[in-house]
């Protein structure tokens, strides 16, 4: 079952391969464990300007809404951006 939330930030280590995407949803702020390189490339593809050398530009993703799903132990399985409607 998928959830919807707003990205608060990302933290990870390119050397370990582990990362956390922090998402605020109905349950509060959730740290979702993820595969660092794959998630960072996906975030950059969706939102642009995320990868800056070996660092992450959190300003490029902060406040972005996503639909996501985790597995039974809380690891991020997938996410897709939610396009905000024009007003």
Protein backbone atom coordinates (compact mmCIF):
# COMPACT_ATOMS: atom_id res chain seq x y z
CA UNK A 1 0.00 0.00 0.00
CA UNK A 2 1.44 3.36 -0.99
CA UNK A 3 1.67 6.54 1.07
CA UNK A 4 1.96 10.22 0.23
CA UNK A 5 4.37 12.60 1.91
CA UNK A 6 6.63 15.62 1.61
CA UNK A 7 10.40 15.26 1.44
CA UNK A 8 12.16 16.89 4.37
CA UNK A 9 15.70 15.87 3.42
CA UNK A 10 18.17 13.17 2.50
CA UNK A 11 21.25 11.81 4.25
CA UNK A 12 23.55 9.09 3.08
CA UNK A 13 27.03 7.83 2.47
CA UNK A 14 28.15 7.06 -1.07
CA UNK A 15 30.80 4.72 0.32
CA UNK A 16 28.40 2.57 2.38
CA UNK A 17 25.62 2.56 -0.19
CA UNK A 18 23.03 3.33 2.50
CA UNK A 19 20.86 6.38 2.59
CA UNK A 20 17.79 7.78 4.28
CA UNK A 21 15.14 9.91 2.67
CA UNK A 22 13.16 11.76 5.33
CA UNK A 23 9.49 12.12 4.46
CA UNK A 24 6.75 13.87 6.43
CA UNK A 25 3.39 12.13 6.16
CA UNK A 26 0.33 11.45 8.33
CA UNK A 27 2.56 9.35 10.63
CA UNK A 28 4.99 12.25 11.19
CA UNK A 29 8.55 12.40 9.83
CA UNK A 30 9.71 8.98 8.69
CA UNK A 31 13.32 8.07 7.92
CA UNK A 32 13.05 5.66 4.97
CA UNK A 33 16.16 3.54 4.46
CA UNK A 34 17.15 3.28 0.81
CA UNK A 35 19.90 2.38 -1.64
CA UNK A 36 21.91 5.62 -1.70
CA UNK A 37 23.17 5.76 -5.32
CA UNK A 38 19.92 4.55 -6.88
CA UNK A 39 17.75 6.91 -4.84
CA UNK A 40 20.00 9.93 -5.41
CA UNK A 41 19.98 9.34 -9.19
CA UNK A 42 16.18 8.94 -9.12
CA UNK A 43 15.77 12.15 -7.10
CA UNK A 44 18.03 14.00 -9.54
CA UNK A 45 16.07 12.64 -12.51
CA UNK A 46 12.74 13.70 -10.97
CA UNK A 47 13.66 17.10 -9.53
CA UNK A 48 17.01 18.13 -11.05
CA UNK A 49 20.03 19.82 -9.45
CA UNK A 50 20.22 17.20 -6.68
CA UNK A 51 23.71 15.80 -7.35
CA UNK A 52 26.53 18.23 -6.63
CA UNK A 53 29.77 16.27 -6.85
CA UNK A 54 29.79 13.91 -3.86
CA UNK A 55 27.15 15.96 -2.03
CA UNK A 56 23.37 16.16 -2.13
CA UNK A 57 21.57 19.47 -2.65
CA UNK A 58 18.76 19.04 -0.12
CA UNK A 59 17.26 22.39 -1.17
CA UNK A 60 16.41 20.84 -4.56
CA UNK A 61 14.19 18.17 -2.95
CA UNK A 62 12.94 19.76 0.27
CA UNK A 63 9.19 20.33 0.13
CA UNK A 64 8.61 18.06 -2.88
CA UNK A 65 5.62 15.74 -2.59
CA UNK A 66 5.95 12.08 -3.45
CA UNK A 67 3.95 8.91 -3.46
CA UNK A 68 6.04 6.06 -2.08
CA UNK A 69 5.99 2.52 -0.81
CA UNK A 70 8.19 0.68 1.65
CA UNK A 71 8.62 -3.02 2.21
CA UNK A 72 7.60 -4.75 5.43
CA UNK A 73 10.79 -3.66 7.24
CA UNK A 74 10.56 -0.01 6.15
CA UNK A 75 13.00 0.06 3.23
CA UNK A 76 11.95 2.33 0.35
CA UNK A 77 10.76 0.24 -2.59
CA UNK A 78 9.75 3.05 -4.99
CA UNK A 79 8.64 6.64 -5.21
CA UNK A 80 7.12 8.93 -7.81
CA UNK A 81 6.79 12.71 -7.70
CA UNK A 82 3.34 14.20 -7.28
CA UNK A 83 2.80 17.08 -9.65
CA UNK A 84 1.25 20.06 -7.93
CA UNK A 85 -1.76 21.43 -9.77
CA UNK A 86 -1.43 24.93 -11.20
CA UNK A 87 -3.64 27.47 -9.53
